[in-house]
Amino acid sequence: LFETIKTVDGQPWALPRHMRRALNSARRNDQPFPNEDQIRSAVAETIAANPYPIGRLRLLFGVNGYFCTTHQEYLEIKTSANLGIRHLSEEVSVPVEKRYPYTQNLQILGEAKSSGFDDYILVNRDGFITETAIANLVFQLDGEWITPPLSDGVLPGVMRALLVEKAAVMVRQIPADQLNQIQSGFVVSSLKIAQPIGRIGDRILQISPESEQMRAEFA
């Protein structure tokens, strides 16, 4: 299992939520898991040994109880996202977990980049939008900000959960045939926070004052 966490001035964002998500996955799979004090101590030592103004902290939990932390510099993404659309042929197992090998996700991401996109919007076999290869999605549709439900094959993202709890983002299914009705949107992750979507396929999305205000609230 692994978790990826943004750090700002040495402080990891939403660390307890990331630990809880990894612990829940470990329990579902009968996997040994270190205690909270061990994790917090390792995180503090790793960040202190590798300090960055903005960093990417990784927590890795092995199936045998092995635990490792890394901390690298993270460069903020300042451009909007250019997304393609990909329909999945295989069934998505639920719940979705952050687990190595991450091969399929990275293959999808690589294919998107080879096709001139930053990532793909993924559509499940039932025809509903799920997420991207490496992030959650939030869209403005019919005047509401919405995100697909976990049951459609969506990773329970930490940032996604915060937006649902604190920023009035609604959870509901989004049929793929509504993609052309989306007014604005964000790629959401613990690192990107809320990256505006500039294009879906050939269609340019509006980055309006309203969506910029929403992004500021998300941040």
N, C-alpha and C. Protein backbone atom coordinates (compact mmCIF):
# COMPACT_ATOMS: atom_id res chain seq x y z
N LEU A 1 0.84 -1.18 0.00
CA LEU A 1 0.00 0.00 0.00
C LEU A 1 0.89 1.24 0.00
N PHE A 2 0.38 2.33 -0.56
CA PHE A 2 1.16 3.57 -0.50
C PHE A 2 0.23 4.76 -0.40
N GLU A 3 0.75 5.83 0.18
CA GLU A 3 0.05 7.11 0.28
C GLU A 3 0.99 8.21 -0.20
N THR A 4 0.44 9.19 -0.89
CA THR A 4 1.20 10.34 -1.36
C THR A 4 0.60 11.59 -0.74
N ILE A 5 1.44 12.38 -0.08
CA ILE A 5 0.96 13.49 0.73
C ILE A 5 1.75 14.75 0.40
N LYS A 6 1.06 15.86 0.28
CA LYS A 6 1.74 17.14 0.06
C LYS A 6 2.24 17.68 1.39
N THR A 7 3.45 18.25 1.37
CA THR A 7 3.96 18.95 2.55
C THR A 7 4.21 20.40 2.19
N VAL A 8 3.94 21.28 3.12
CA VAL A 8 4.19 22.71 2.94
C VAL A 8 4.93 23.20 4.17
N ASP A 9 6.15 23.71 3.95
CA ASP A 9 7.00 24.17 5.05
C ASP A 9 7.17 23.08 6.12
N GLY A 10 7.32 21.85 5.66
CA GLY A 10 7.59 20.75 6.58
C GLY A 10 6.37 20.12 7.22
N GLN A 11 5.18 20.61 6.89
CA GLN A 11 3.97 20.08 7.50
C GLN A 11 3.21 19.22 6.49
N PRO A 12 2.97 17.94 6.80
CA PRO A 12 2.18 17.10 5.89
C PRO A 12 0.70 17.42 6.01
N TRP A 13 0.05 17.57 4.88
CA TRP A 13 -1.37 17.92 4.87
C TRP A 13 -2.23 16.67 5.05
N ALA A 14 -3.19 16.74 5.97
CA ALA A 14 -4.20 15.69 6.18
C ALA A 14 -3.56 14.33 6.45
N LEU A 15 -2.46 14.30 7.20
CA LEU A 15 -1.78 13.04 7.49
C LEU A 15 -2.69 12.02 8.16
N PRO A 16 -3.51 12.39 9.16
CA PRO A 16 -4.36 11.38 9.79
C PRO A 16 -5.32 10.70 8.81
N ARG A 17 -5.84 11.46 7.85
CA ARG A 17 -6.76 10.88 6.86
C ARG A 17 -6.04 9.88 5.96
N HIS A 18 -4.81 10.21 5.57
CA HIS A 18 -4.04 9.29 4.74
C HIS A 18 -3.71 8.01 5.51
N MET A 19 -3.34 8.16 6.78
CA MET A 19 -3.04 6.98 7.58
C MET A 19 -4.28 6.11 7.75
N ARG A 20 -5.44 6.74 7.94
CA ARG A 20 -6.67 6.00 8.13
C ARG A 20 -7.04 5.22 6.87
N ARG A 21 -6.85 5.85 5.70
CA ARG A 21 -7.18 5.16 4.45
C ARG A 21 -6.27 3.93 4.26
N ALA A 22 -4.98 4.10 4.53
CA ALA A 22 -4.05 2.97 4.39
C ALA A 22 -4.37 1.88 5.41
N LEU A 23 -4.70 2.28 6.63
CA LEU A 23 -5.05 1.30 7.67
C LEU A 23 -6.29 0.51 7.28
N ASN A 24 -7.30 1.19 6.72
CA ASN A 24 -8.52 0.49 6.31
C ASN A 24 -8.22 -0.53 5.22
N SER A 25 -7.35 -0.16 4.27
CA SER A 25 -6.96 -1.11 3.22
C SER A 25 -6.20 -2.29 3.81
N ALA A 26 -5.31 -2.02 4.76
CA ALA A 26 -4.53 -3.09 5.39
C ALA A 26 -5.45 -4.05 6.12
N ARG A 27 -6.44 -3.53 6.83
CA ARG A 27 -7.37 -4.39 7.57
C ARG A 27 -8.19 -5.26 6.63
N ARG A 28 -8.61 -4.68 5.49
CA ARG A 28 -9.39 -5.46 4.53
C ARG A 28 -8.59 -6.63 3.97
N ASN A 29 -7.27 -6.47 3.92
CA ASN A 29 -6.41 -7.48 3.31
C ASN A 29 -5.57 -8.26 4.32
N ASP A 30 -5.90 -8.14 5.62
CA ASP A 30 -5.15 -8.85 6.67
C ASP A 30 -3.67 -8.54 6.61
N GLN A 31 -3.32 -7.30 6.40
CA GLN A 31 -1.93 -6.89 6.22
C GLN A 31 -1.41 -6.23 7.51
N PRO A 32 -0.23 -6.61 7.99
CA PRO A 32 0.33 -5.95 9.18
C PRO A 32 0.50 -4.45 8.94
N PHE A 33 0.35 -3.67 10.00
CA PHE A 33 0.40 -2.21 9.85
C PHE A 33 1.09 -1.60 11.07
N PRO A 34 2.01 -0.64 10.86
CA PRO A 34 2.70 -0.03 12.00
C PRO A 34 1.75 0.84 12.82
N ASN A 35 2.13 1.12 14.07
CA ASN A 35 1.26 1.97 14.87
C ASN A 35 1.48 3.45 14.52
N GLU A 36 0.58 4.28 14.99
CA GLU A 36 0.57 5.70 14.59
C GLU A 36 1.85 6.41 15.04
N ASP A 37 2.34 6.10 16.23
CA ASP A 37 3.56 6.76 16.72
C ASP A 37 4.76 6.46 15.80
N GLN A 38 4.85 5.20 15.35
CA GLN A 38 5.94 4.84 14.43
C GLN A 38 5.85 5.64 13.13
N ILE A 39 4.66 5.75 12.61
CA ILE A 39 4.47 6.48 11.35
C ILE A 39 4.83 7.96 11.53
N ARG A 40 4.28 8.57 12.58
CA ARG A 40 4.53 10.00 12.80
C ARG A 40 6.01 10.28 13.03
N SER A 41 6.68 9.40 13.77
CA SER A 41 8.10 9.58 14.04
C SER A 41 8.92 9.47 12.75
N ALA A 42 8.61 8.47 11.92
CA ALA A 42 9.32 8.29 10.65
C ALA A 42 9.09 9.47 9.72
N VAL A 43 7.85 9.97 9.68
CA VAL A 43 7.52 11.13 8.83
C VAL A 43 8.33 12.35 9.26
N ALA A 44 8.35 12.62 10.56
CA ALA A 44 9.08 13.78 11.07
C ALA A 44 10.58 13.68 10.77
N GLU A 45 11.16 12.49 10.96
CA GLU A 45 12.59 12.31 10.71
C GLU A 45 12.91 12.46 9.22
N THR A 46 12.05 11.90 8.37
CA THR A 46 12.30 11.95 6.93
C THR A 46 12.21 13.37 6.39
N ILE A 47 11.21 14.11 6.84
CA ILE A 47 11.06 15.50 6.39
C ILE A 47 12.22 16.35 6.89
N ALA A 48 12.63 16.13 8.15
CA ALA A 48 13.74 16.90 8.71
C ALA A 48 15.04 16.63 7.96
N ALA A 49 15.22 15.40 7.50
CA ALA A 49 16.45 15.04 6.79
C ALA A 49 16.42 15.50 5.34
N ASN A 50 15.23 15.75 4.80
CA ASN A 50 15.08 16.17 3.40
C ASN A 50 14.09 17.32 3.32
N PRO A 51 14.49 18.51 3.78
CA PRO A 51 13.54 19.63 3.87
C PRO A 51 13.32 20.32 2.52
N TYR A 52 12.06 20.60 2.20
CA TYR A 52 11.69 21.36 1.00
C TYR A 52 10.53 22.28 1.34
N PRO A 53 10.46 23.46 0.71
CA PRO A 53 9.31 24.34 0.95
C PRO A 53 7.98 23.66 0.62
N ILE A 54 7.96 22.95 -0.52
CA ILE A 54 6.81 22.14 -0.90
C ILE A 54 7.34 20.76 -1.27
N GLY A 55 6.78 19.74 -0.67
CA GLY A 55 7.33 18.40 -0.88
C GLY A 55 6.26 17.36 -1.18
N ARG A 56 6.74 16.20 -1.63
CA ARG A 56 5.89 15.03 -1.88
C ARG A 56 6.36 13.93 -0.93
N LEU A 57 5.55 13.66 0.06
CA LEU A 57 5.84 12.63 1.05
C LEU A 57 5.19 11.33 0.63
N ARG A 58 5.95 10.25 0.67
CA ARG A 58 5.38 8.94 0.34
C ARG A 58 5.48 8.03 1.57
N LEU A 59 4.39 7.36 1.86
CA LEU A 59 4.36 6.33 2.89
C LEU A 59 4.13 5.00 2.19
N LEU A 60 4.99 4.02 2.43
CA LEU A 60 4.88 2.71 1.77
C LEU A 60 4.76 1.63 2.84
N PHE A 61 3.73 0.79 2.70
CA PHE A 61 3.43 -0.25 3.69
C PHE A 61 3.49 -1.61 3.01
N GLY A 62 4.48 -2.43 3.36
CA GLY A 62 4.66 -3.73 2.73
C GLY A 62 3.71 -4.78 3.30
N VAL A 63 3.46 -5.82 2.52
CA VAL A 63 2.54 -6.89 2.96
C VAL A 63 3.10 -7.65 4.16
N ASN A 64 4.43 -7.55 4.39
CA ASN A 64 5.05 -8.25 5.52
C ASN A 64 5.24 -7.34 6.73
N GLY A 65 4.64 -6.14 6.69
CA GLY A 65 4.78 -5.21 7.80
C GLY A 65 5.90 -4.20 7.61
N TYR A 66 6.70 -4.35 6.55
CA TYR A 66 7.77 -3.39 6.25
C TYR A 66 7.17 -2.01 5.99
N PHE A 67 7.83 -0.96 6.50
CA PHE A 67 7.33 0.40 6.37
C PHE A 67 8.46 1.33 5.96
N CYS A 68 8.19 2.24 5.01
CA CYS A 68 9.22 3.14 4.50
C CYS A 68 8.60 4.51 4.20
N THR A 69 9.37 5.57 4.41
CA THR A 69 8.93 6.92 4.04
C THR A 69 9.98 7.58 3.16
N THR A 70 9.52 8.39 2.20
CA THR A 70 10.43 9.20 1.38
C THR A 70 9.86 10.61 1.28
N HIS A 71 10.73 11.58 1.04
CA HIS A 71 10.29 12.97 0.89
C HIS A 71 11.12 13.61 -0.21
N GLN A 72 10.41 14.08 -1.26
CA GLN A 72 11.07 14.72 -2.40
C GLN A 72 10.46 16.09 -2.65
N GLU A 73 11.20 16.90 -3.37
CA GLU A 73 10.68 18.22 -3.73
C GLU A 73 9.51 18.06 -4.71
N TYR A 74 8.51 18.92 -4.56
CA TYR A 74 7.37 18.91 -5.47
C TYR A 74 7.24 20.29 -6.11
N LEU A 75 7.12 20.31 -7.43
CA LEU A 75 6.94 21.55 -8.17
C LEU A 75 5.47 21.71 -8.51
N GLU A 76 4.88 22.81 -8.09
CA GLU A 76 3.46 23.05 -8.32
C GLU A 76 3.15 23.09 -9.82
N ILE A 77 2.02 22.52 -10.21
CA ILE A 77 1.56 22.59 -11.60
C ILE A 77 0.77 23.87 -11.78
N LYS A 78 1.19 24.72 -12.71
CA LYS A 78 0.55 26.02 -12.89
C LYS A 78 -0.28 26.09 -14.17
N THR A 79 -0.34 25.00 -14.93
CA THR A 79 -1.11 24.98 -16.17
C THR A 79 -2.44 24.25 -15.95
N SER A 80 -3.38 24.46 -16.86
CA SER A 80 -4.64 23.72 -16.80
C SER A 80 -4.44 22.34 -17.41
N ALA A 81 -5.35 21.43 -17.11
CA ALA A 81 -5.24 20.04 -17.56
C ALA A 81 -5.94 19.84 -18.90
N ASN A 82 -5.27 19.11 -19.78
CA ASN A 82 -5.81 18.75 -21.09
C ASN A 82 -6.13 17.26 -21.05
N LEU A 83 -7.43 16.91 -21.00
CA LEU A 83 -7.84 15.53 -20.74
C LEU A 83 -8.49 14.89 -21.96
N GLY A 84 -8.11 13.65 -22.24
CA GLY A 84 -8.80 12.84 -23.22
C GLY A 84 -9.86 12.00 -22.52
N ILE A 85 -10.50 11.13 -23.27
CA ILE A 85 -11.55 10.25 -22.73
C ILE A 85 -11.20 8.81 -23.09
N ARG A 86 -11.28 7.94 -22.10
CA ARG A 86 -11.00 6.53 -22.36
C ARG A 86 -12.07 5.66 -21.70
N HIS A 87 -12.65 4.75 -22.48
CA HIS A 87 -13.64 3.81 -21.97
C HIS A 87 -12.92 2.53 -21.53
N LEU A 88 -13.17 2.12 -20.30
CA LEU A 88 -12.53 0.93 -19.75
C LEU A 88 -13.28 -0.32 -20.19
N SER A 89 -12.54 -1.34 -20.61
CA SER A 89 -13.17 -2.60 -21.02
C SER A 89 -13.25 -3.59 -19.87
N GLU A 90 -12.38 -3.40 -18.86
CA GLU A 90 -12.35 -4.34 -17.74
C GLU A 90 -13.19 -3.82 -16.58
N GLU A 91 -13.66 -4.74 -15.75
CA GLU A 91 -14.43 -4.37 -14.57
C GLU A 91 -13.50 -3.73 -13.55
N VAL A 92 -13.98 -2.68 -12.88
CA VAL A 92 -13.20 -2.02 -11.83
C VAL A 92 -13.61 -2.60 -10.49
N SER A 93 -12.64 -3.13 -9.75
CA SER A 93 -12.96 -3.71 -8.44
C SER A 93 -13.14 -2.59 -7.42
N VAL A 94 -14.15 -2.74 -6.58
CA VAL A 94 -14.47 -1.75 -5.55
C VAL A 94 -14.36 -2.43 -4.19
N PRO A 95 -13.75 -1.80 -3.16
CA PRO A 95 -13.20 -0.45 -3.18
C PRO A 95 -11.85 -0.37 -3.92
N VAL A 96 -11.61 0.78 -4.51
CA VAL A 96 -10.33 1.03 -5.17
C VAL A 96 -9.29 1.35 -4.09
N GLU A 97 -8.11 0.75 -4.21
CA GLU A 97 -7.06 0.96 -3.21
C GLU A 97 -5.79 1.50 -3.87
N LYS A 98 -5.02 2.24 -3.08
CA LYS A 98 -3.71 2.70 -3.56
C LYS A 98 -2.69 1.62 -3.26
N ARG A 99 -2.38 0.83 -4.27
CA ARG A 99 -1.56 -0.35 -4.04
C ARG A 99 -0.64 -0.59 -5.23
N TYR A 100 0.61 -0.91 -4.94
CA TYR A 100 1.52 -1.36 -6.00
C TYR A 100 1.24 -2.83 -6.33
N PRO A 101 1.47 -3.32 -7.55
CA PRO A 101 2.00 -2.55 -8.67
C PRO A 101 0.94 -1.61 -9.25
N TYR A 102 1.35 -0.41 -9.61
CA TYR A 102 0.45 0.62 -10.12
C TYR A 102 0.49 0.63 -11.65
N THR A 103 0.82 -0.54 -12.20
CA THR A 103 1.14 -0.66 -13.62
C THR A 103 0.02 -0.17 -14.52
N GLN A 104 -1.21 -0.63 -14.27
CA GLN A 104 -2.31 -0.27 -15.16
C GLN A 104 -2.53 1.24 -15.19
N ASN A 105 -2.50 1.87 -14.01
CA ASN A 105 -2.71 3.31 -13.95
C ASN A 105 -1.62 4.05 -14.71
N LEU A 106 -0.37 3.62 -14.53
CA LEU A 106 0.74 4.30 -15.20
C LEU A 106 0.72 4.05 -16.71
N GLN A 107 0.24 2.87 -17.12
CA GLN A 107 0.10 2.61 -18.55
C GLN A 107 -0.94 3.54 -19.17
N ILE A 108 -2.07 3.70 -18.49
CA ILE A 108 -3.11 4.60 -18.98
C ILE A 108 -2.58 6.03 -19.05
N LEU A 109 -1.85 6.44 -18.02
CA LEU A 109 -1.27 7.79 -18.01
C LEU A 109 -0.29 7.95 -19.16
N GLY A 110 0.55 6.94 -19.40
CA GLY A 110 1.52 7.00 -20.50
C GLY A 110 0.84 7.07 -21.85
N GLU A 111 -0.24 6.30 -22.02
CA GLU A 111 -0.98 6.33 -23.27
C GLU A 111 -1.61 7.70 -23.50
N ALA A 112 -2.11 8.30 -22.43
CA ALA A 112 -2.70 9.64 -22.54
C ALA A 112 -1.65 10.64 -23.00
N LYS A 113 -0.49 10.59 -22.39
CA LYS A 113 0.57 11.54 -22.76
C LYS A 113 1.05 11.30 -24.19
N SER A 114 1.11 10.04 -24.61
CA SER A 114 1.51 9.73 -25.99
C SER A 114 0.50 10.27 -27.00
N SER A 115 -0.76 10.42 -26.56
CA SER A 115 -1.81 10.93 -27.43
C SER A 115 -1.97 12.44 -27.33
N GLY A 116 -1.08 13.10 -26.56
CA GLY A 116 -1.11 14.55 -26.47
C GLY A 116 -1.95 15.10 -25.34
N PHE A 117 -2.37 14.22 -24.40
CA PHE A 117 -3.15 14.66 -23.25
C PHE A 117 -2.31 14.58 -21.98
N ASP A 118 -2.78 15.24 -20.93
CA ASP A 118 -2.13 15.12 -19.62
C ASP A 118 -2.59 13.87 -18.89
N ASP A 119 -3.83 13.44 -19.17
CA ASP A 119 -4.40 12.26 -18.51
C ASP A 119 -5.70 11.94 -19.25
N TYR A 120 -6.34 10.85 -18.85
CA TYR A 120 -7.63 10.45 -19.43
C TYR A 120 -8.73 10.57 -18.38
N ILE A 121 -9.90 11.02 -18.79
CA ILE A 121 -11.12 10.80 -18.02
C ILE A 121 -11.55 9.36 -18.30
N LEU A 122 -11.71 8.57 -17.25
CA LEU A 122 -12.02 7.15 -17.42
C LEU A 122 -13.53 6.93 -17.28
N VAL A 123 -14.06 6.10 -18.17
CA VAL A 123 -15.49 5.76 -18.17
C VAL A 123 -15.60 4.26 -17.92
N ASN A 124 -16.41 3.87 -16.91
CA ASN A 124 -16.50 2.45 -16.57
C ASN A 124 -17.39 1.69 -17.57
N ARG A 125 -17.50 0.41 -17.39
CA ARG A 125 -18.23 -0.44 -18.35
C ARG A 125 -19.72 -0.14 -18.39
N ASP A 126 -20.23 0.50 -17.32
CA ASP A 126 -21.64 0.87 -17.30
C ASP A 126 -21.90 2.24 -17.92
N GLY A 127 -20.82 2.88 -18.40
CA GLY A 127 -20.98 4.17 -19.08
C GLY A 127 -20.96 5.37 -18.18
N PHE A 128 -20.41 5.23 -16.96
CA PHE A 128 -20.34 6.36 -16.04
C PHE A 128 -18.89 6.83 -15.86
N ILE A 129 -18.72 8.13 -15.73
CA ILE A 129 -17.41 8.72 -15.48
C ILE A 129 -16.93 8.29 -14.10
N THR A 130 -15.63 7.97 -13.98
CA THR A 130 -15.08 7.57 -12.69
C THR A 130 -14.04 8.60 -12.19
N GLU A 131 -12.84 8.56 -12.74
CA GLU A 131 -11.73 9.42 -12.31
C GLU A 131 -10.73 9.50 -13.45
N THR A 132 -9.52 9.96 -13.17
CA THR A 132 -8.44 9.87 -14.15
C THR A 132 -7.53 8.72 -13.71
N ALA A 133 -6.44 8.52 -14.43
CA ALA A 133 -5.52 7.44 -14.06
C ALA A 133 -4.92 7.65 -12.68
N ILE A 134 -4.77 8.91 -12.25
CA ILE A 134 -4.06 9.18 -11.00
C ILE A 134 -4.74 10.21 -10.11
N ALA A 135 -5.98 10.59 -10.41
CA ALA A 135 -6.62 11.65 -9.61
C ALA A 135 -8.13 11.54 -9.69
N ASN A 136 -8.81 12.21 -8.76
CA ASN A 136 -10.25 12.32 -8.78
C ASN A 136 -10.69 13.49 -9.65
N LEU A 137 -12.00 13.58 -9.88
CA LEU A 137 -12.56 14.63 -10.73
C LEU A 137 -13.71 15.33 -10.02
N VAL A 138 -13.79 16.63 -10.23
CA VAL A 138 -14.94 17.44 -9.79
C VAL A 138 -15.37 18.28 -10.98
N PHE A 139 -16.68 18.25 -11.30
CA PHE A 139 -17.20 18.98 -12.45
C PHE A 139 -18.31 19.93 -12.02
N GLN A 140 -18.44 21.02 -12.80
CA GLN A 140 -19.60 21.88 -12.67
C GLN A 140 -20.61 21.49 -13.74
N LEU A 141 -21.80 21.07 -13.29
CA LEU A 141 -22.82 20.57 -14.21
C LEU A 141 -24.18 21.04 -13.70
N ASP A 142 -24.93 21.70 -14.57
CA ASP A 142 -26.25 22.23 -14.19
C ASP A 142 -26.16 23.12 -12.95
N GLY A 143 -25.08 23.90 -12.87
CA GLY A 143 -24.93 24.85 -11.78
C GLY A 143 -24.45 24.26 -10.47
N GLU A 144 -24.19 22.93 -10.43
CA GLU A 144 -23.71 22.29 -9.21
C GLU A 144 -22.30 21.75 -9.42
N TRP A 145 -21.55 21.67 -8.32
CA TRP A 145 -20.24 21.03 -8.35
C TRP A 145 -20.43 19.60 -7.89
N ILE A 146 -20.04 18.63 -8.73
CA ILE A 146 -20.32 17.23 -8.44
C ILE A 146 -19.07 16.37 -8.67
N THR A 147 -19.06 15.22 -8.01
CA THR A 147 -17.99 14.24 -8.17
C THR A 147 -18.61 12.85 -8.22
N PRO A 148 -18.06 11.92 -9.01
CA PRO A 148 -18.66 10.58 -9.12
C PRO A 148 -18.59 9.82 -7.79
N PRO A 149 -19.52 8.89 -7.57
CA PRO A 149 -19.52 8.10 -6.33
C PRO A 149 -18.45 7.02 -6.33
N LEU A 150 -18.02 6.62 -5.15
CA LEU A 150 -17.01 5.57 -5.00
C LEU A 150 -17.47 4.27 -5.64
N SER A 151 -18.76 4.02 -5.61
CA SER A 151 -19.30 2.75 -6.12
C SER A 151 -19.12 2.59 -7.62
N ASP A 152 -18.83 3.67 -8.34
CA ASP A 152 -18.60 3.57 -9.78
C ASP A 152 -17.16 3.21 -10.12
N GLY A 153 -16.31 3.01 -9.08
CA GLY A 153 -14.92 2.64 -9.30
C GLY A 153 -13.98 3.80 -9.11
N VAL A 154 -14.19 4.53 -8.01
CA VAL A 154 -13.44 5.75 -7.73
C VAL A 154 -12.61 5.55 -6.47
N LEU A 155 -11.33 5.96 -6.52
CA LEU A 155 -10.49 5.93 -5.32
C LEU A 155 -11.06 6.89 -4.28
N PRO A 156 -11.16 6.48 -3.01
CA PRO A 156 -11.61 7.39 -1.96
C PRO A 156 -10.53 8.43 -1.63
N GLY A 157 -10.39 9.40 -2.51
CA GLY A 157 -9.34 10.41 -2.37
C GLY A 157 -9.54 11.27 -1.14
N VAL A 158 -8.44 11.64 -0.52
CA VAL A 158 -8.50 12.47 0.69
C VAL A 158 -8.99 13.87 0.34
N MET A 159 -8.47 14.47 -0.72
CA MET A 159 -8.92 15.81 -1.11
C MET A 159 -10.38 15.76 -1.55
N ARG A 160 -10.75 14.73 -2.28
CA ARG A 160 -12.15 14.57 -2.70
C ARG A 160 -13.06 14.56 -1.48
N ALA A 161 -12.70 13.78 -0.46
CA ALA A 161 -13.52 13.69 0.75
C ALA A 161 -13.66 15.05 1.43
N LEU A 162 -12.57 15.80 1.48
CA LEU A 162 -12.62 17.13 2.11
C LEU A 162 -13.55 18.07 1.35
N LEU A 163 -13.53 17.98 0.01
CA LEU A 163 -14.39 18.86 -0.79
C LEU A 163 -15.86 18.50 -0.61
N VAL A 164 -16.14 17.21 -0.47
CA VAL A 164 -17.53 16.78 -0.23
C VAL A 164 -17.99 17.25 1.14
N GLU A 165 -17.10 17.13 2.14
CA GLU A 165 -17.47 17.48 3.51
C GLU A 165 -17.54 18.98 3.75
N LYS A 166 -16.64 19.74 3.13
CA LYS A 166 -16.46 21.14 3.52
C LYS A 166 -16.75 22.16 2.42
N ALA A 167 -16.88 21.71 1.16
CA ALA A 167 -17.06 22.68 0.07
C ALA A 167 -18.34 22.42 -0.73
N ALA A 168 -19.25 21.68 -0.14
CA ALA A 168 -20.58 21.46 -0.73
C ALA A 168 -20.53 20.80 -2.10
N VAL A 169 -19.50 20.01 -2.37
CA VAL A 169 -19.46 19.23 -3.61
C VAL A 169 -20.41 18.04 -3.46
N MET A 170 -21.30 17.87 -4.44
CA MET A 170 -22.29 16.80 -4.41
C MET A 170 -21.72 15.51 -5.00
N VAL A 171 -22.22 14.38 -4.54
CA VAL A 171 -21.81 13.08 -5.06
C VAL A 171 -22.97 12.49 -5.86
N ARG A 172 -22.76 12.27 -7.15
CA ARG A 172 -23.77 11.58 -7.95
C ARG A 172 -23.15 11.05 -9.23
N GLN A 173 -23.82 10.07 -9.82
CA GLN A 173 -23.32 9.48 -11.06
C GLN A 173 -23.35 10.48 -12.20
N ILE A 174 -22.34 10.38 -13.07
CA ILE A 174 -22.26 11.26 -14.24
C ILE A 174 -22.15 10.38 -15.48
N PRO A 175 -23.23 10.23 -16.25
CA PRO A 175 -23.14 9.46 -17.49
C PRO A 175 -22.16 10.10 -18.46
N ALA A 176 -21.45 9.27 -19.20
CA ALA A 176 -20.44 9.78 -20.13
C ALA A 176 -21.05 10.70 -21.18
N ASP A 177 -22.34 10.48 -21.51
CA ASP A 177 -22.94 11.32 -22.54
C ASP A 177 -23.25 12.74 -22.04
N GLN A 178 -22.96 13.00 -20.76
CA GLN A 178 -23.10 14.37 -20.23
C GLN A 178 -21.78 15.14 -20.26
N LEU A 179 -20.73 14.51 -20.78
CA LEU A 179 -19.43 15.20 -20.81
C LEU A 179 -19.49 16.51 -21.57
N ASN A 180 -20.30 16.55 -22.64
CA ASN A 180 -20.37 17.79 -23.43
C ASN A 180 -21.18 18.88 -22.75
N GLN A 181 -21.79 18.57 -21.60
CA GLN A 181 -22.55 19.57 -20.85
C GLN A 181 -21.75 20.16 -19.70
N ILE A 182 -20.57 19.61 -19.44
CA ILE A 182 -19.76 20.09 -18.31
C ILE A 182 -19.24 21.48 -18.61
N GLN A 183 -19.46 22.39 -17.65
CA GLN A 183 -19.08 23.79 -17.84
C GLN A 183 -17.65 24.07 -17.39
N SER A 184 -17.28 23.53 -16.25
CA SER A 184 -15.93 23.71 -15.69
C SER A 184 -15.58 22.45 -14.92
N GLY A 185 -14.32 22.31 -14.57
CA GLY A 185 -13.94 21.13 -13.80
C GLY A 185 -12.55 21.23 -13.24
N PHE A 186 -12.25 20.31 -12.32
CA PHE A 186 -10.95 20.25 -11.68
C PHE A 186 -10.45 18.81 -11.60
N VAL A 187 -9.17 18.63 -11.78
CA VAL A 187 -8.49 17.39 -11.43
C VAL A 187 -8.06 17.53 -9.97
N VAL A 188 -8.49 16.61 -9.13
CA VAL A 188 -8.34 16.77 -7.68
C VAL A 188 -7.44 15.67 -7.13
N SER A 189 -6.41 16.07 -6.39
CA SER A 189 -5.55 15.11 -5.69
C SER A 189 -4.88 15.81 -4.52
N SER A 190 -4.23 15.01 -3.68
CA SER A 190 -3.56 15.59 -2.51
C SER A 190 -2.40 16.49 -2.90
N LEU A 191 -1.80 16.24 -4.07
CA LEU A 191 -0.71 17.09 -4.53
C LEU A 191 -1.22 18.29 -5.34
N LYS A 192 -2.07 18.01 -6.31
CA LYS A 192 -2.55 19.08 -7.19
C LYS A 192 -3.59 19.96 -6.52
N ILE A 193 -4.22 19.48 -5.49
CA ILE A 193 -5.36 20.11 -4.82
C ILE A 193 -6.51 20.23 -5.81
N ALA A 194 -6.55 21.27 -6.64
CA ALA A 194 -7.61 21.41 -7.64
C ALA A 194 -7.02 22.07 -8.88
N GLN A 195 -6.62 21.25 -9.85
CA GLN A 195 -6.05 21.75 -11.10
C GLN A 195 -7.20 21.98 -12.08
N PRO A 196 -7.36 23.22 -12.60
CA PRO A 196 -8.45 23.48 -13.54
C PRO A 196 -8.31 22.62 -14.80
N ILE A 197 -9.43 22.18 -15.34
CA ILE A 197 -9.45 21.46 -16.61
C ILE A 197 -9.66 22.47 -17.72
N GLY A 198 -8.70 22.55 -18.62
CA GLY A 198 -8.78 23.51 -19.72
C GLY A 198 -9.42 22.95 -20.96
N ARG A 199 -9.35 21.61 -21.10
CA ARG A 199 -9.87 21.00 -22.32
C ARG A 199 -10.26 19.54 -22.05
N ILE A 200 -11.38 19.13 -22.61
CA ILE A 200 -11.77 17.72 -22.63
C ILE A 200 -11.91 17.32 -24.09
N GLY A 201 -11.00 16.48 -24.55
CA GLY A 201 -10.98 16.14 -25.98
C GLY A 201 -10.70 17.38 -26.80
N ASP A 202 -11.61 17.69 -27.73
CA ASP A 202 -11.45 18.88 -28.57
C ASP A 202 -12.18 20.10 -28.01
N ARG A 203 -12.86 19.94 -26.88
CA ARG A 203 -13.69 21.02 -26.36
C ARG A 203 -12.97 21.79 -25.26
N ILE A 204 -12.92 23.09 -25.41
CA ILE A 204 -12.30 23.96 -24.42
C ILE A 204 -13.30 24.27 -23.33
N LEU A 205 -12.89 24.09 -22.08
CA LEU A 205 -13.75 24.39 -20.94
C LEU A 205 -13.53 25.81 -20.45
N GLN A 206 -14.57 26.33 -19.85
CA GLN A 206 -14.53 27.69 -19.33
C GLN A 206 -13.80 27.70 -17.98
N ILE A 207 -12.81 28.57 -17.87
CA ILE A 207 -12.20 28.83 -16.57
C ILE A 207 -12.69 30.21 -16.16
N SER A 208 -13.81 30.24 -15.48
CA SER A 208 -14.54 31.47 -15.20
C SER A 208 -14.13 32.05 -13.84
N PRO A 209 -14.51 33.30 -13.57
CA PRO A 209 -14.27 33.85 -12.23
C PRO A 209 -14.90 32.98 -11.14
N GLU A 210 -16.06 32.38 -11.45
CA GLU A 210 -16.72 31.52 -10.47
C GLU A 210 -15.89 30.27 -10.17
N SER A 211 -15.32 29.67 -11.22
CA SER A 211 -14.51 28.47 -10.99
C SER A 211 -13.20 28.82 -10.30
N GLU A 212 -12.65 30.00 -10.59
CA GLU A 212 -11.43 30.43 -9.90
C GLU A 212 -11.71 30.68 -8.42
N GLN A 213 -12.88 31.24 -8.14
CA GLN A 213 -13.28 31.44 -6.74
C GLN A 213 -13.44 30.10 -6.04
N MET A 214 -14.04 29.13 -6.75
CA MET A 214 -14.21 27.80 -6.18
C MET A 214 -12.86 27.15 -5.92
N ARG A 215 -11.93 27.33 -6.83
CA ARG A 215 -10.59 26.74 -6.64
C ARG A 215 -9.92 27.35 -5.41
N ALA A 216 -10.08 28.66 -5.22
CA ALA A 216 -9.50 29.31 -4.05
C ALA A 216 -10.12 28.76 -2.77
N GLU A 217 -11.43 28.48 -2.80
CA GLU A 217 -12.08 27.90 -1.62
C GLU A 217 -11.56 26.49 -1.38
N PHE A 218 -11.39 25.71 -2.44
CA PHE A 218 -10.83 24.37 -2.30
C PHE A 218 -9.46 24.43 -1.63
N ALA A 219 -8.61 25.31 -2.14
CA ALA A 219 -7.25 25.43 -1.60
C ALA A 219 -7.28 25.84 -0.14
